[in-house]
Amino acid sequence: QVQLVESGGDPAQPGGSLTLSCLTSGFAFRQAGMNWHRQAPGKERELVARIFGSWNTTNYVDSVKGRFTISRDNNRATVTLQTNDLKIEDTAVYYCHTRIAGRAYWGQGTQVTVSS
């Protein structure tokens, strides 16, 4: 059974940092591409960052480039999103996501709220 469990969401001030983690189980993590998405109130869910399985290649949405870093620990089957220099517009529910055999799997989400 594929499971994705996010943690690390918290209130934060502008300019602050949070470390979001996604603990996974039930699939071959080393080969899987892993993604972080977010959904702000009243907006569509958007892909924020992704890391590919084989070469650890990463991609980011333009709005977080230089501020967010996605990484993975294959031994712990965990993917992390380090968020720095947070902005109010980063407020959203952040979701961990992967696709296995053509099927999408999502975590339950973790809330990040940035306010002064």
N, C-alpha and C. Protein backbone atom coordinates (compact mmCIF):
# COMPACT_ATOMS: atom_id res chain seq x y z
N GLN A 1 0.85 -1.19 0.00
CA GLN A 1 0.00 0.00 0.00
C GLN A 1 0.89 1.24 0.00
N VAL A 2 0.69 2.06 -1.01
CA VAL A 2 1.49 3.29 -1.12
C VAL A 2 0.99 4.31 -0.10
N GLN A 3 1.93 4.85 0.66
CA GLN A 3 1.58 5.89 1.62
C GLN A 3 2.56 7.04 1.52
N LEU A 4 2.03 8.25 1.59
CA LEU A 4 2.82 9.47 1.61
C LEU A 4 2.33 10.30 2.80
N VAL A 5 3.22 10.64 3.70
CA VAL A 5 2.83 11.38 4.90
C VAL A 5 3.70 12.61 5.03
N GLU A 6 3.08 13.78 4.88
CA GLU A 6 3.80 15.04 4.98
C GLU A 6 3.83 15.54 6.42
N SER A 7 4.84 16.32 6.71
CA SER A 7 4.95 16.99 8.00
C SER A 7 5.80 18.24 7.82
N GLY A 8 5.77 19.09 8.82
CA GLY A 8 6.64 20.26 8.83
C GLY A 8 5.94 21.58 8.57
N GLY A 9 4.70 21.55 8.16
CA GLY A 9 3.99 22.80 7.94
C GLY A 9 3.73 23.52 9.26
N ASP A 10 3.82 24.84 9.21
CA ASP A 10 3.71 25.65 10.42
C ASP A 10 3.40 27.08 10.02
N PRO A 11 2.99 27.91 10.98
CA PRO A 11 2.99 29.35 10.71
C PRO A 11 4.43 29.84 10.59
N ALA A 12 4.65 30.85 9.76
CA ALA A 12 5.98 31.42 9.58
C ALA A 12 5.84 32.89 9.23
N GLN A 13 6.89 33.64 9.51
CA GLN A 13 6.91 35.05 9.14
C GLN A 13 7.59 35.22 7.79
N PRO A 14 7.28 36.28 7.08
CA PRO A 14 8.00 36.55 5.83
C PRO A 14 9.51 36.57 6.07
N GLY A 15 10.23 35.91 5.18
CA GLY A 15 11.67 35.79 5.33
C GLY A 15 12.10 34.57 6.10
N GLY A 16 11.15 33.88 6.69
CA GLY A 16 11.46 32.70 7.49
C GLY A 16 11.68 31.46 6.65
N SER A 17 11.90 30.35 7.34
CA SER A 17 12.17 29.07 6.68
C SER A 17 11.38 27.96 7.34
N LEU A 18 11.03 26.98 6.54
CA LEU A 18 10.41 25.76 7.04
C LEU A 18 10.98 24.58 6.26
N THR A 19 11.05 23.44 6.92
CA THR A 19 11.46 22.22 6.26
C THR A 19 10.27 21.26 6.22
N LEU A 20 9.81 20.97 5.02
CA LEU A 20 8.70 20.05 4.83
C LEU A 20 9.25 18.68 4.48
N SER A 21 8.69 17.65 5.10
CA SER A 21 9.15 16.29 4.84
C SER A 21 7.99 15.42 4.39
N CYS A 22 8.31 14.44 3.57
CA CYS A 22 7.32 13.47 3.11
C CYS A 22 7.92 12.08 3.31
N LEU A 23 7.38 11.36 4.25
CA LEU A 23 7.82 10.00 4.52
C LEU A 23 6.96 9.05 3.69
N THR A 24 7.62 8.17 2.94
CA THR A 24 6.87 7.30 2.03
C THR A 24 7.06 5.83 2.37
N SER A 25 6.17 5.01 1.85
CA SER A 25 6.28 3.56 2.00
C SER A 25 5.41 2.88 0.96
N GLY A 26 5.70 1.61 0.70
CA GLY A 26 4.84 0.82 -0.16
C GLY A 26 5.21 0.80 -1.63
N PHE A 27 6.34 1.39 -2.00
CA PHE A 27 6.76 1.36 -3.39
C PHE A 27 8.27 1.51 -3.47
N ALA A 28 8.81 1.30 -4.67
CA ALA A 28 10.26 1.37 -4.88
C ALA A 28 10.70 2.83 -4.96
N PHE A 29 10.98 3.39 -3.81
CA PHE A 29 11.23 4.84 -3.71
C PHE A 29 12.41 5.27 -4.58
N ARG A 30 13.47 4.48 -4.62
CA ARG A 30 14.69 4.90 -5.32
C ARG A 30 14.44 5.20 -6.79
N GLN A 31 13.50 4.50 -7.39
CA GLN A 31 13.23 4.68 -8.82
C GLN A 31 12.14 5.72 -9.10
N ALA A 32 11.50 6.20 -8.08
CA ALA A 32 10.33 7.04 -8.28
C ALA A 32 10.67 8.53 -8.36
N GLY A 33 10.07 9.21 -9.30
CA GLY A 33 10.11 10.66 -9.28
C GLY A 33 9.17 11.16 -8.20
N MET A 34 9.59 12.17 -7.47
CA MET A 34 8.78 12.70 -6.36
C MET A 34 8.55 14.19 -6.58
N ASN A 35 7.38 14.63 -6.21
CA ASN A 35 6.97 16.01 -6.45
C ASN A 35 6.36 16.64 -5.21
N TRP A 36 6.54 17.94 -5.12
CA TRP A 36 5.79 18.75 -4.15
C TRP A 36 4.88 19.68 -4.95
N HIS A 37 3.62 19.68 -4.56
CA HIS A 37 2.63 20.60 -5.11
C HIS A 37 2.12 21.47 -3.97
N ARG A 38 1.43 22.54 -4.32
CA ARG A 38 0.77 23.34 -3.31
C ARG A 38 -0.54 23.89 -3.85
N GLN A 39 -1.44 24.15 -2.92
CA GLN A 39 -2.73 24.74 -3.30
C GLN A 39 -3.07 25.83 -2.32
N ALA A 40 -3.13 27.05 -2.84
CA ALA A 40 -3.50 28.21 -2.03
C ALA A 40 -5.01 28.36 -2.08
N PRO A 41 -5.58 29.05 -1.09
CA PRO A 41 -7.03 29.24 -1.06
C PRO A 41 -7.53 29.89 -2.34
N GLY A 42 -8.53 29.29 -2.95
CA GLY A 42 -9.13 29.86 -4.14
C GLY A 42 -8.33 29.67 -5.41
N LYS A 43 -7.24 28.92 -5.33
CA LYS A 43 -6.38 28.72 -6.51
C LYS A 43 -6.26 27.24 -6.83
N GLU A 44 -5.84 26.97 -8.05
CA GLU A 44 -5.61 25.60 -8.46
C GLU A 44 -4.30 25.07 -7.87
N ARG A 45 -4.26 23.76 -7.71
CA ARG A 45 -3.03 23.15 -7.22
C ARG A 45 -1.94 23.31 -8.27
N GLU A 46 -0.72 23.64 -7.83
CA GLU A 46 0.38 23.84 -8.77
C GLU A 46 1.59 23.02 -8.34
N LEU A 47 2.33 22.58 -9.35
CA LEU A 47 3.58 21.87 -9.10
C LEU A 47 4.65 22.86 -8.68
N VAL A 48 5.28 22.62 -7.55
CA VAL A 48 6.28 23.52 -7.01
C VAL A 48 7.70 23.02 -7.32
N ALA A 49 7.93 21.74 -7.10
CA ALA A 49 9.28 21.19 -7.29
C ALA A 49 9.17 19.69 -7.54
N ARG A 50 10.13 19.19 -8.29
CA ARG A 50 10.18 17.76 -8.55
C ARG A 50 11.62 17.28 -8.55
N ILE A 51 11.79 16.04 -8.17
CA ILE A 51 13.11 15.41 -8.20
C ILE A 51 12.93 14.04 -8.82
N PHE A 52 13.79 13.75 -9.79
CA PHE A 52 13.66 12.50 -10.53
C PHE A 52 14.45 11.41 -9.83
N GLY A 53 14.06 10.17 -10.11
CA GLY A 53 14.62 9.06 -9.36
C GLY A 53 16.05 8.73 -9.70
N SER A 54 16.38 8.67 -10.99
CA SER A 54 17.66 8.11 -11.40
C SER A 54 18.83 9.05 -11.16
N TRP A 55 18.66 10.31 -11.50
CA TRP A 55 19.81 11.22 -11.50
C TRP A 55 19.66 12.36 -10.51
N ASN A 56 18.57 12.35 -9.74
CA ASN A 56 18.31 13.43 -8.80
C ASN A 56 18.23 14.80 -9.49
N THR A 57 17.83 14.79 -10.73
CA THR A 57 17.58 16.05 -11.43
C THR A 57 16.39 16.74 -10.78
N THR A 58 16.46 18.06 -10.66
CA THR A 58 15.39 18.80 -10.02
C THR A 58 14.83 19.88 -10.94
N ASN A 59 13.58 20.18 -10.76
CA ASN A 59 12.90 21.28 -11.45
C ASN A 59 12.10 22.08 -10.43
N TYR A 60 11.95 23.39 -10.68
CA TYR A 60 11.19 24.25 -9.79
C TYR A 60 10.30 25.19 -10.60
N VAL A 61 9.18 25.54 -10.03
CA VAL A 61 8.38 26.61 -10.61
C VAL A 61 9.15 27.91 -10.41
N ASP A 62 9.01 28.84 -11.34
CA ASP A 62 9.83 30.07 -11.31
C ASP A 62 9.69 30.83 -9.99
N SER A 63 8.51 30.82 -9.42
CA SER A 63 8.27 31.65 -8.23
C SER A 63 9.05 31.19 -7.00
N VAL A 64 9.60 29.97 -7.01
CA VAL A 64 10.34 29.49 -5.83
C VAL A 64 11.82 29.25 -6.13
N LYS A 65 12.23 29.44 -7.36
CA LYS A 65 13.64 29.21 -7.71
C LYS A 65 14.56 30.09 -6.87
N GLY A 66 15.61 29.48 -6.34
CA GLY A 66 16.55 30.20 -5.49
C GLY A 66 16.12 30.27 -4.03
N ARG A 67 14.88 29.86 -3.74
CA ARG A 67 14.40 29.92 -2.35
C ARG A 67 14.07 28.53 -1.80
N PHE A 68 13.57 27.65 -2.65
CA PHE A 68 13.18 26.31 -2.22
C PHE A 68 14.17 25.29 -2.79
N THR A 69 14.39 24.23 -2.03
CA THR A 69 15.26 23.15 -2.48
C THR A 69 14.60 21.81 -2.17
N ILE A 70 14.47 20.98 -3.20
CA ILE A 70 13.93 19.64 -3.00
C ILE A 70 15.09 18.65 -2.95
N SER A 71 15.00 17.69 -2.07
CA SER A 71 16.03 16.67 -1.95
C SER A 71 15.39 15.36 -1.52
N ARG A 72 16.15 14.29 -1.62
CA ARG A 72 15.62 12.98 -1.25
C ARG A 72 16.65 12.19 -0.47
N ASP A 73 16.17 11.34 0.40
CA ASP A 73 17.01 10.40 1.13
C ASP A 73 16.49 9.01 0.79
N ASN A 74 17.19 8.32 -0.08
CA ASN A 74 16.71 7.03 -0.54
C ASN A 74 16.75 5.98 0.56
N ASN A 75 17.65 6.12 1.52
CA ASN A 75 17.71 5.16 2.61
C ASN A 75 16.50 5.27 3.54
N ARG A 76 15.98 6.48 3.67
CA ARG A 76 14.84 6.71 4.55
C ARG A 76 13.54 6.86 3.78
N ALA A 77 13.60 6.73 2.44
CA ALA A 77 12.41 6.86 1.60
C ALA A 77 11.67 8.15 1.91
N THR A 78 12.43 9.24 1.97
CA THR A 78 11.88 10.53 2.36
C THR A 78 12.28 11.58 1.34
N VAL A 79 11.36 12.47 1.03
CA VAL A 79 11.66 13.61 0.18
C VAL A 79 11.38 14.88 0.99
N THR A 80 12.27 15.83 0.88
CA THR A 80 12.22 17.04 1.70
C THR A 80 12.13 18.27 0.81
N LEU A 81 11.38 19.25 1.26
CA LEU A 81 11.33 20.54 0.60
C LEU A 81 11.79 21.60 1.60
N GLN A 82 12.97 22.12 1.39
CA GLN A 82 13.48 23.19 2.23
C GLN A 82 12.99 24.51 1.66
N THR A 83 12.24 25.25 2.45
CA THR A 83 11.68 26.51 1.99
C THR A 83 12.35 27.65 2.75
N ASN A 84 12.99 28.55 2.03
CA ASN A 84 13.67 29.70 2.63
C ASN A 84 13.09 31.00 2.09
N ASP A 85 13.34 32.08 2.81
CA ASP A 85 12.88 33.41 2.39
C ASP A 85 11.40 33.35 2.02
N LEU A 86 10.62 32.80 2.93
CA LEU A 86 9.19 32.62 2.65
C LEU A 86 8.49 33.95 2.43
N LYS A 87 7.51 33.91 1.54
CA LYS A 87 6.71 35.08 1.22
C LYS A 87 5.25 34.78 1.54
N ILE A 88 4.48 35.85 1.71
CA ILE A 88 3.06 35.66 2.04
C ILE A 88 2.38 34.80 0.98
N GLU A 89 2.79 34.98 -0.26
CA GLU A 89 2.16 34.21 -1.35
C GLU A 89 2.57 32.75 -1.37
N ASP A 90 3.45 32.32 -0.48
CA ASP A 90 3.77 30.90 -0.34
C ASP A 90 2.75 30.18 0.54
N THR A 91 1.85 30.94 1.14
CA THR A 91 0.82 30.32 1.98
C THR A 91 -0.02 29.36 1.16
N ALA A 92 -0.10 28.11 1.61
CA ALA A 92 -0.81 27.08 0.87
C ALA A 92 -0.75 25.78 1.66
N VAL A 93 -1.53 24.83 1.21
CA VAL A 93 -1.35 23.45 1.66
C VAL A 93 -0.37 22.79 0.70
N TYR A 94 0.66 22.19 1.24
CA TYR A 94 1.70 21.56 0.43
C TYR A 94 1.49 20.05 0.43
N TYR A 95 1.52 19.48 -0.77
CA TYR A 95 1.24 18.05 -0.95
C TYR A 95 2.43 17.35 -1.58
N CYS A 96 2.71 16.18 -1.07
CA CYS A 96 3.69 15.28 -1.66
C CYS A 96 2.95 14.40 -2.68
N HIS A 97 3.60 14.10 -3.79
CA HIS A 97 2.93 13.38 -4.88
C HIS A 97 3.93 12.51 -5.63
N THR A 98 3.45 11.35 -6.05
CA THR A 98 4.22 10.53 -6.96
C THR A 98 3.26 9.79 -7.87
N ARG A 99 3.81 9.23 -8.92
CA ARG A 99 3.00 8.44 -9.86
C ARG A 99 3.64 7.07 -10.01
N ILE A 100 2.88 6.05 -9.73
CA ILE A 100 3.38 4.68 -9.80
C ILE A 100 2.49 3.89 -10.75
N ALA A 101 3.10 3.31 -11.79
CA ALA A 101 2.35 2.51 -12.77
C ALA A 101 1.15 3.28 -13.30
N GLY A 102 1.37 4.57 -13.57
CA GLY A 102 0.32 5.38 -14.15
C GLY A 102 -0.72 5.89 -13.19
N ARG A 103 -0.59 5.59 -11.92
CA ARG A 103 -1.58 6.04 -10.94
C ARG A 103 -0.93 7.08 -10.04
N ALA A 104 -1.67 8.14 -9.77
CA ALA A 104 -1.19 9.22 -8.92
C ALA A 104 -1.49 8.93 -7.45
N TYR A 105 -0.52 9.23 -6.62
CA TYR A 105 -0.69 9.09 -5.16
C TYR A 105 -0.35 10.42 -4.51
N TRP A 106 -1.18 10.79 -3.53
CA TRP A 106 -1.02 12.07 -2.83
C TRP A 106 -1.00 11.84 -1.33
N GLY A 107 -0.26 12.69 -0.64
CA GLY A 107 -0.35 12.73 0.80
C GLY A 107 -1.54 13.57 1.22
N GLN A 108 -1.70 13.71 2.53
CA GLN A 108 -2.86 14.44 3.05
C GLN A 108 -2.62 15.94 3.07
N GLY A 109 -1.37 16.36 2.89
CA GLY A 109 -1.04 17.78 2.86
C GLY A 109 -0.59 18.31 4.22
N THR A 110 0.20 19.38 4.15
CA THR A 110 0.65 20.06 5.37
C THR A 110 0.54 21.56 5.13
N GLN A 111 -0.04 22.27 6.09
CA GLN A 111 -0.37 23.69 5.92
C GLN A 111 0.83 24.58 6.22
N VAL A 112 1.13 25.45 5.28
CA VAL A 112 2.13 26.51 5.49
C VAL A 112 1.40 27.85 5.43
N THR A 113 1.53 28.62 6.50
CA THR A 113 0.89 29.93 6.56
C THR A 113 1.96 30.98 6.86
N VAL A 114 2.14 31.89 5.92
CA VAL A 114 3.15 32.94 6.05
C VAL A 114 2.43 34.26 6.27
N SER A 115 2.68 34.86 7.41
CA SER A 115 2.05 36.14 7.72
C SER A 115 2.90 36.91 8.70
N SER A 116 2.70 38.23 8.70
CA SER A 116 3.46 39.07 9.61
C SER A 116 2.61 39.42 10.82
